[in-house]
Each structure stands twice: as structure tokens, then as C-alpha cells.
N, C-alpha and C. Protein backbone atom coordinates (compact mmCIF):
# COMPACT_ATOMS: atom_id res chain seq x y z
N MET A 1 -2.59 0.77 17.45
CA MET A 1 -2.23 1.36 16.18
C MET A 1 -3.34 2.27 15.70
N ASP A 2 -3.00 3.46 15.28
CA ASP A 2 -3.94 4.35 14.64
C ASP A 2 -3.80 4.18 13.14
N ALA A 3 -4.87 3.78 12.47
CA ALA A 3 -4.81 3.56 11.03
C ALA A 3 -4.62 4.88 10.29
N LEU A 4 -3.67 4.89 9.37
CA LEU A 4 -3.45 6.05 8.50
C LEU A 4 -4.38 5.98 7.29
N TYR A 5 -4.82 4.79 6.95
CA TYR A 5 -5.71 4.56 5.81
C TYR A 5 -6.44 3.25 6.07
N THR A 6 -7.67 3.17 5.67
CA THR A 6 -8.44 1.94 5.79
C THR A 6 -9.08 1.62 4.44
N ALA A 7 -8.75 0.47 3.90
CA ALA A 7 -9.38 0.01 2.66
C ALA A 7 -10.65 -0.72 3.03
N VAL A 8 -11.68 -0.54 2.23
CA VAL A 8 -12.97 -1.20 2.48
C VAL A 8 -13.41 -1.91 1.20
N ALA A 9 -13.68 -3.19 1.31
CA ALA A 9 -14.17 -3.97 0.17
C ALA A 9 -15.27 -4.90 0.65
N THR A 10 -16.22 -5.14 -0.23
CA THR A 10 -17.33 -6.04 0.08
C THR A 10 -17.35 -7.15 -0.96
N ALA A 11 -17.44 -8.38 -0.47
CA ALA A 11 -17.57 -9.54 -1.36
C ALA A 11 -18.94 -10.16 -1.14
N THR A 12 -19.58 -10.52 -2.23
CA THR A 12 -20.88 -11.19 -2.16
C THR A 12 -20.75 -12.56 -2.80
N HIS A 13 -21.45 -13.52 -2.27
CA HIS A 13 -21.50 -14.90 -2.80
C HIS A 13 -20.15 -15.60 -2.76
N GLY A 14 -19.32 -15.26 -1.79
CA GLY A 14 -18.06 -15.96 -1.57
C GLY A 14 -17.16 -15.99 -2.79
N ARG A 15 -16.54 -17.15 -3.02
CA ARG A 15 -15.57 -17.31 -4.10
C ARG A 15 -16.19 -17.31 -5.49
N GLU A 16 -17.49 -17.37 -5.58
CA GLU A 16 -18.17 -17.39 -6.88
C GLU A 16 -18.96 -16.10 -7.10
N GLY A 17 -18.58 -15.04 -6.40
CA GLY A 17 -19.36 -13.80 -6.46
C GLY A 17 -18.62 -12.64 -7.07
N ARG A 18 -18.65 -11.55 -6.37
CA ARG A 18 -18.08 -10.29 -6.84
C ARG A 18 -17.44 -9.59 -5.65
N ALA A 19 -16.34 -8.87 -5.93
CA ALA A 19 -15.69 -8.05 -4.90
C ALA A 19 -15.63 -6.62 -5.41
N VAL A 20 -16.01 -5.68 -4.54
CA VAL A 20 -16.06 -4.28 -4.91
C VAL A 20 -15.51 -3.45 -3.76
N THR A 21 -14.62 -2.50 -4.09
CA THR A 21 -14.13 -1.59 -3.05
C THR A 21 -15.11 -0.44 -2.88
N SER A 22 -15.06 0.19 -1.73
CA SER A 22 -16.00 1.26 -1.42
C SER A 22 -15.88 2.45 -2.36
N ASP A 23 -14.69 2.65 -2.96
CA ASP A 23 -14.52 3.75 -3.90
C ASP A 23 -14.80 3.34 -5.34
N GLY A 24 -15.11 2.07 -5.56
CA GLY A 24 -15.44 1.57 -6.89
C GLY A 24 -14.26 1.36 -7.81
N LYS A 25 -13.04 1.58 -7.33
CA LYS A 25 -11.86 1.42 -8.19
C LYS A 25 -11.56 -0.04 -8.50
N LEU A 26 -11.99 -0.93 -7.62
CA LEU A 26 -11.84 -2.36 -7.86
C LEU A 26 -13.24 -2.96 -7.85
N ASP A 27 -13.59 -3.61 -8.94
CA ASP A 27 -14.90 -4.24 -9.08
C ASP A 27 -14.70 -5.43 -9.99
N LEU A 28 -14.64 -6.62 -9.41
CA LEU A 28 -14.32 -7.77 -10.23
C LEU A 28 -15.09 -9.02 -9.84
N ALA A 29 -15.23 -9.86 -10.84
CA ALA A 29 -15.88 -11.15 -10.63
C ALA A 29 -14.90 -12.09 -9.96
N LEU A 30 -15.40 -12.86 -9.02
CA LEU A 30 -14.60 -13.86 -8.32
C LEU A 30 -14.95 -15.25 -8.85
N GLY A 31 -13.99 -16.13 -8.83
CA GLY A 31 -14.23 -17.50 -9.27
C GLY A 31 -13.25 -18.46 -8.66
N MET A 32 -13.69 -19.67 -8.49
CA MET A 32 -12.82 -20.73 -7.96
C MET A 32 -11.83 -21.16 -9.03
N PRO A 33 -10.57 -21.36 -8.64
CA PRO A 33 -9.60 -21.88 -9.61
C PRO A 33 -9.97 -23.33 -9.98
N VAL A 34 -9.56 -23.72 -11.16
CA VAL A 34 -9.83 -25.09 -11.63
C VAL A 34 -9.30 -26.11 -10.63
N GLU A 35 -8.13 -25.83 -10.05
CA GLU A 35 -7.49 -26.77 -9.11
C GLU A 35 -8.34 -27.02 -7.87
N LEU A 36 -9.26 -26.10 -7.58
CA LEU A 36 -10.14 -26.28 -6.42
C LEU A 36 -11.56 -26.65 -6.84
N GLY A 37 -11.71 -27.07 -8.09
CA GLY A 37 -13.01 -27.54 -8.54
C GLY A 37 -13.85 -26.50 -9.25
N GLY A 38 -13.30 -25.31 -9.48
CA GLY A 38 -14.06 -24.26 -10.16
C GLY A 38 -13.82 -24.28 -11.65
N ASN A 39 -14.42 -23.31 -12.32
CA ASN A 39 -14.25 -23.22 -13.78
C ASN A 39 -13.11 -22.29 -14.17
N GLY A 40 -12.47 -21.66 -13.20
CA GLY A 40 -11.33 -20.79 -13.48
C GLY A 40 -11.71 -19.42 -13.99
N GLN A 41 -12.98 -19.13 -14.03
CA GLN A 41 -13.44 -17.81 -14.49
C GLN A 41 -13.42 -16.85 -13.30
N GLY A 42 -12.86 -15.70 -13.50
CA GLY A 42 -12.81 -14.71 -12.42
C GLY A 42 -11.53 -14.81 -11.62
N THR A 43 -11.31 -13.81 -10.82
CA THR A 43 -10.15 -13.71 -9.95
C THR A 43 -10.45 -14.43 -8.64
N ASN A 44 -9.43 -15.02 -8.04
CA ASN A 44 -9.66 -15.68 -6.75
C ASN A 44 -8.93 -14.94 -5.64
N PRO A 45 -9.34 -15.17 -4.39
CA PRO A 45 -8.74 -14.44 -3.26
C PRO A 45 -7.23 -14.62 -3.14
N GLU A 46 -6.72 -15.78 -3.53
CA GLU A 46 -5.28 -16.00 -3.44
C GLU A 46 -4.53 -15.09 -4.41
N GLN A 47 -5.09 -14.85 -5.59
CA GLN A 47 -4.47 -13.92 -6.55
C GLN A 47 -4.47 -12.50 -5.99
N LEU A 48 -5.56 -12.11 -5.37
CA LEU A 48 -5.64 -10.77 -4.80
C LEU A 48 -4.63 -10.61 -3.66
N PHE A 49 -4.52 -11.64 -2.82
CA PHE A 49 -3.56 -11.61 -1.72
C PHE A 49 -2.13 -11.54 -2.27
N ALA A 50 -1.85 -12.34 -3.31
CA ALA A 50 -0.51 -12.35 -3.91
C ALA A 50 -0.16 -10.98 -4.48
N ALA A 51 -1.09 -10.36 -5.18
CA ALA A 51 -0.83 -9.04 -5.76
C ALA A 51 -0.57 -8.00 -4.66
N GLY A 52 -1.39 -8.02 -3.62
CA GLY A 52 -1.22 -7.07 -2.53
C GLY A 52 0.09 -7.28 -1.79
N TYR A 53 0.43 -8.54 -1.51
CA TYR A 53 1.66 -8.84 -0.78
C TYR A 53 2.87 -8.44 -1.62
N ALA A 54 2.87 -8.76 -2.92
CA ALA A 54 4.01 -8.42 -3.77
C ALA A 54 4.22 -6.90 -3.81
N ALA A 55 3.14 -6.16 -3.97
CA ALA A 55 3.25 -4.70 -4.03
C ALA A 55 3.72 -4.11 -2.71
N CYS A 56 3.16 -4.59 -1.62
CA CYS A 56 3.52 -4.08 -0.30
C CYS A 56 4.98 -4.42 0.02
N PHE A 57 5.40 -5.65 -0.28
CA PHE A 57 6.77 -6.05 0.01
C PHE A 57 7.74 -5.22 -0.84
N GLY A 58 7.37 -4.94 -2.08
CA GLY A 58 8.21 -4.10 -2.93
C GLY A 58 8.39 -2.72 -2.35
N SER A 59 7.32 -2.17 -1.79
CA SER A 59 7.42 -0.85 -1.15
C SER A 59 8.30 -0.91 0.10
N ALA A 60 8.14 -1.96 0.88
CA ALA A 60 8.98 -2.13 2.08
C ALA A 60 10.45 -2.26 1.70
N LEU A 61 10.73 -2.98 0.62
CA LEU A 61 12.10 -3.12 0.14
C LEU A 61 12.65 -1.77 -0.31
N GLY A 62 11.84 -0.99 -0.97
CA GLY A 62 12.26 0.36 -1.37
C GLY A 62 12.60 1.23 -0.17
N LEU A 63 11.78 1.13 0.88
CA LEU A 63 12.01 1.90 2.10
C LEU A 63 13.36 1.54 2.73
N VAL A 64 13.60 0.24 2.95
CA VAL A 64 14.85 -0.15 3.60
C VAL A 64 16.04 0.11 2.68
N GLY A 65 15.82 0.02 1.37
CA GLY A 65 16.89 0.34 0.43
C GLY A 65 17.28 1.81 0.51
N ARG A 66 16.28 2.68 0.55
CA ARG A 66 16.58 4.12 0.68
C ARG A 66 17.30 4.41 1.99
N GLN A 67 16.86 3.78 3.07
CA GLN A 67 17.50 3.99 4.37
C GLN A 67 18.97 3.55 4.34
N ALA A 68 19.25 2.48 3.58
CA ALA A 68 20.62 1.96 3.49
C ALA A 68 21.40 2.61 2.35
N LYS A 69 20.74 3.53 1.63
CA LYS A 69 21.35 4.20 0.48
C LYS A 69 21.77 3.21 -0.60
N VAL A 70 20.87 2.22 -0.83
CA VAL A 70 21.08 1.22 -1.88
C VAL A 70 19.90 1.33 -2.84
N ASP A 71 20.19 1.49 -4.13
CA ASP A 71 19.13 1.65 -5.13
C ASP A 71 18.53 0.29 -5.49
N VAL A 72 17.31 0.06 -5.04
CA VAL A 72 16.59 -1.17 -5.38
C VAL A 72 15.31 -0.83 -6.16
N SER A 73 15.31 0.34 -6.79
CA SER A 73 14.10 0.81 -7.48
C SER A 73 13.70 -0.10 -8.65
N ASP A 74 14.65 -0.86 -9.20
CA ASP A 74 14.33 -1.77 -10.29
C ASP A 74 14.05 -3.19 -9.82
N ALA A 75 13.89 -3.39 -8.52
CA ALA A 75 13.59 -4.72 -7.99
C ALA A 75 12.17 -5.13 -8.40
N ALA A 76 11.96 -6.43 -8.50
CA ALA A 76 10.64 -6.98 -8.77
C ALA A 76 10.34 -8.04 -7.73
N VAL A 77 9.11 -8.04 -7.24
CA VAL A 77 8.70 -9.03 -6.24
C VAL A 77 7.54 -9.84 -6.80
N THR A 78 7.69 -11.15 -6.78
CA THR A 78 6.63 -12.05 -7.20
C THR A 78 6.19 -12.84 -5.97
N ALA A 79 4.91 -12.78 -5.66
CA ALA A 79 4.37 -13.53 -4.52
C ALA A 79 3.60 -14.73 -5.06
N GLU A 80 3.93 -15.88 -4.54
CA GLU A 80 3.21 -17.12 -4.86
C GLU A 80 2.44 -17.50 -3.61
N VAL A 81 1.13 -17.53 -3.71
CA VAL A 81 0.28 -17.87 -2.56
C VAL A 81 -0.39 -19.21 -2.84
N GLY A 82 -0.05 -20.19 -2.01
CA GLY A 82 -0.64 -21.51 -2.14
C GLY A 82 -1.71 -21.72 -1.09
N ILE A 83 -2.71 -22.50 -1.45
CA ILE A 83 -3.77 -22.87 -0.51
C ILE A 83 -3.91 -24.38 -0.51
N GLY A 84 -4.11 -24.94 0.66
CA GLY A 84 -4.27 -26.39 0.77
C GLY A 84 -5.00 -26.76 2.04
N LYS A 85 -5.37 -28.01 2.12
CA LYS A 85 -6.08 -28.52 3.28
C LYS A 85 -5.15 -28.53 4.49
N GLN A 86 -5.71 -28.17 5.62
CA GLN A 86 -5.01 -28.27 6.90
C GLN A 86 -6.05 -28.64 7.93
N GLY A 87 -5.97 -29.85 8.42
CA GLY A 87 -6.98 -30.32 9.36
C GLY A 87 -8.35 -30.31 8.71
N GLU A 88 -9.31 -29.72 9.38
CA GLU A 88 -10.67 -29.63 8.85
C GLU A 88 -10.86 -28.46 7.90
N GLY A 89 -9.89 -27.56 7.88
CA GLY A 89 -10.03 -26.35 7.05
C GLY A 89 -8.93 -26.24 6.01
N PHE A 90 -8.59 -25.02 5.73
CA PHE A 90 -7.58 -24.72 4.72
C PHE A 90 -6.54 -23.77 5.32
N ALA A 91 -5.36 -23.74 4.70
CA ALA A 91 -4.29 -22.85 5.14
C ALA A 91 -3.56 -22.33 3.91
N LEU A 92 -2.80 -21.27 4.13
CA LEU A 92 -2.02 -20.64 3.07
C LEU A 92 -0.53 -20.83 3.32
N LYS A 93 0.24 -20.74 2.25
CA LYS A 93 1.70 -20.63 2.33
C LYS A 93 2.11 -19.65 1.26
N VAL A 94 3.23 -18.95 1.49
CA VAL A 94 3.68 -17.91 0.59
C VAL A 94 5.16 -18.09 0.27
N THR A 95 5.49 -17.89 -0.98
CA THR A 95 6.88 -17.75 -1.41
C THR A 95 7.01 -16.37 -2.03
N LEU A 96 7.96 -15.58 -1.54
CA LEU A 96 8.25 -14.27 -2.11
C LEU A 96 9.55 -14.40 -2.90
N ARG A 97 9.46 -14.19 -4.20
CA ARG A 97 10.64 -14.22 -5.07
C ARG A 97 11.03 -12.79 -5.39
N VAL A 98 12.22 -12.41 -4.94
CA VAL A 98 12.68 -11.03 -5.09
C VAL A 98 13.82 -11.00 -6.09
N GLU A 99 13.60 -10.28 -7.18
CA GLU A 99 14.63 -10.09 -8.19
C GLU A 99 15.24 -8.72 -7.98
N LEU A 100 16.50 -8.71 -7.56
CA LEU A 100 17.20 -7.46 -7.25
C LEU A 100 18.01 -7.00 -8.45
N PRO A 101 18.29 -5.71 -8.53
CA PRO A 101 19.15 -5.21 -9.61
C PRO A 101 20.53 -5.85 -9.52
N ASP A 102 21.18 -6.01 -10.66
CA ASP A 102 22.52 -6.62 -10.71
C ASP A 102 23.53 -5.84 -9.88
N SER A 103 23.27 -4.56 -9.66
CA SER A 103 24.22 -3.72 -8.92
C SER A 103 24.23 -4.02 -7.42
N VAL A 104 23.27 -4.81 -6.93
CA VAL A 104 23.19 -5.14 -5.49
C VAL A 104 23.84 -6.49 -5.26
N ASP A 105 24.90 -6.51 -4.44
CA ASP A 105 25.58 -7.78 -4.17
C ASP A 105 24.70 -8.70 -3.31
N GLU A 106 25.02 -9.98 -3.33
CA GLU A 106 24.19 -10.99 -2.68
C GLU A 106 24.01 -10.75 -1.18
N SER A 107 25.07 -10.41 -0.49
CA SER A 107 25.00 -10.19 0.96
C SER A 107 24.11 -9.00 1.30
N THR A 108 24.32 -7.90 0.59
CA THR A 108 23.50 -6.70 0.82
C THR A 108 22.05 -6.99 0.47
N GLY A 109 21.84 -7.68 -0.64
CA GLY A 109 20.48 -8.02 -1.06
C GLY A 109 19.75 -8.86 -0.03
N ARG A 110 20.41 -9.86 0.49
CA ARG A 110 19.80 -10.74 1.51
C ARG A 110 19.43 -9.91 2.74
N LYS A 111 20.33 -9.03 3.16
CA LYS A 111 20.07 -8.19 4.34
C LYS A 111 18.86 -7.29 4.11
N LEU A 112 18.78 -6.66 2.94
CA LEU A 112 17.66 -5.77 2.65
C LEU A 112 16.34 -6.52 2.57
N VAL A 113 16.35 -7.70 1.96
CA VAL A 113 15.12 -8.50 1.87
C VAL A 113 14.65 -8.92 3.26
N GLU A 114 15.58 -9.32 4.10
CA GLU A 114 15.20 -9.71 5.47
C GLU A 114 14.69 -8.51 6.26
N GLN A 115 15.29 -7.34 6.06
CA GLN A 115 14.79 -6.13 6.72
C GLN A 115 13.40 -5.76 6.21
N ALA A 116 13.19 -5.89 4.90
CA ALA A 116 11.87 -5.59 4.33
C ALA A 116 10.82 -6.53 4.92
N HIS A 117 11.21 -7.77 5.18
CA HIS A 117 10.29 -8.76 5.76
C HIS A 117 9.89 -8.36 7.19
N GLN A 118 10.72 -7.60 7.87
CA GLN A 118 10.40 -7.11 9.21
C GLN A 118 9.52 -5.87 9.17
N VAL A 119 9.57 -5.12 8.07
CA VAL A 119 8.86 -3.84 7.94
C VAL A 119 7.50 -4.00 7.27
N CYS A 120 7.39 -4.92 6.32
CA CYS A 120 6.19 -5.06 5.50
C CYS A 120 4.96 -5.44 6.35
N PRO A 121 3.86 -4.69 6.22
CA PRO A 121 2.66 -5.02 6.99
C PRO A 121 2.09 -6.41 6.68
N TYR A 122 2.20 -6.87 5.44
CA TYR A 122 1.72 -8.22 5.11
C TYR A 122 2.58 -9.26 5.82
N SER A 123 3.90 -9.04 5.84
CA SER A 123 4.79 -9.97 6.54
C SER A 123 4.47 -9.98 8.03
N ASN A 124 4.22 -8.80 8.59
CA ASN A 124 3.88 -8.74 10.01
C ASN A 124 2.54 -9.42 10.29
N ALA A 125 1.60 -9.31 9.36
CA ALA A 125 0.28 -9.93 9.56
C ALA A 125 0.34 -11.45 9.46
N THR A 126 1.24 -11.97 8.63
CA THR A 126 1.31 -13.42 8.43
C THR A 126 2.27 -14.11 9.40
N ARG A 127 3.18 -13.34 9.97
CA ARG A 127 4.23 -13.93 10.82
C ARG A 127 3.65 -14.81 11.93
N GLY A 128 4.15 -16.04 12.01
CA GLY A 128 3.71 -16.96 13.05
C GLY A 128 2.44 -17.72 12.68
N ASN A 129 1.85 -17.40 11.52
CA ASN A 129 0.61 -18.05 11.13
C ASN A 129 0.68 -18.64 9.73
N VAL A 130 1.35 -17.94 8.82
CA VAL A 130 1.48 -18.39 7.44
C VAL A 130 2.97 -18.52 7.14
N PRO A 131 3.42 -19.71 6.72
CA PRO A 131 4.84 -19.83 6.38
C PRO A 131 5.17 -18.99 5.15
N VAL A 132 6.24 -18.19 5.25
CA VAL A 132 6.68 -17.33 4.16
C VAL A 132 8.14 -17.65 3.86
N GLU A 133 8.39 -18.07 2.63
CA GLU A 133 9.77 -18.35 2.18
C GLU A 133 10.26 -17.17 1.36
N LEU A 134 11.45 -16.70 1.66
CA LEU A 134 12.08 -15.61 0.92
C LEU A 134 13.11 -16.19 -0.04
N VAL A 135 12.95 -15.89 -1.32
CA VAL A 135 13.88 -16.37 -2.35
C VAL A 135 14.42 -15.16 -3.10
N ILE A 136 15.74 -15.05 -3.15
CA ILE A 136 16.37 -13.95 -3.89
C ILE A 136 16.87 -14.52 -5.21
N GLU A 137 16.42 -13.88 -6.28
CA GLU A 137 16.78 -14.39 -7.61
C GLU A 137 17.66 -13.39 -8.33
């Protein structure tokens, strides 16, 4: 694959540090969530992953919608990224909740969401490694 764009970010001090992109557009404090023993101050990597996945999946849904000539421009995607112990380490799980416009029937909506899951780079990156549940609301 030839990259069309490469994002660059640097994190210092792990989950209790700071993350900054090379262009300076993202510069934020990181913090452990309370559920993992932190004070809840700052953004955590799971939130960043959820935001990126939701945005990317929404774009993929728009692409397959345009190809099928179905207007999904008012769709909303919510990504829930869970983290938990797995063996000696940790693992992630994802639920993607897709709210489609009322004008899209259930069968068409399911087909478009499944097609978006095949197109989305985040879905392709997680496939076979991170369980991803698709929920149409």
C-alpha cells in the first residue's frame, strides 16, 4: 500500500502524559480513566480511538451510501471502545452504534453498514484481532 497521507503523533509519559501531532493541531493531556485506577483527568487512548473509528466509519458509510445512491448524510456513528484484561495483558472490544436517517429502510441500512465495515480502514485494521459489534439504531 502506498500511503496517501500519514498522521504523526508523539506521546510522552504514556497514559499520564501528553499527546501532540506533528502539525500541532492536536495537543492534549492524557490521563488514566477512574475505572483503571486514574484520576480521570485528561483524555485516554480509548477515547481517541473511539473518536477516530466513529469518524472514519461515518465516512466509509457515506462512501457506500453514495455508491448505492442512498442518502446517509444525516447518519451518526457512536463508537464504544472497551478495554479489559486478557491473559497477561489487555485487549480492546468495539461496539459501533449507527443511527441511520428514517428514510433508510432496515434492510438497506444493514447492507450499507456491513459494506462500510468492509471499506473502513479502522475496521480493516481491527478485523480478526478486535471484536467489533455493529448495532443499527
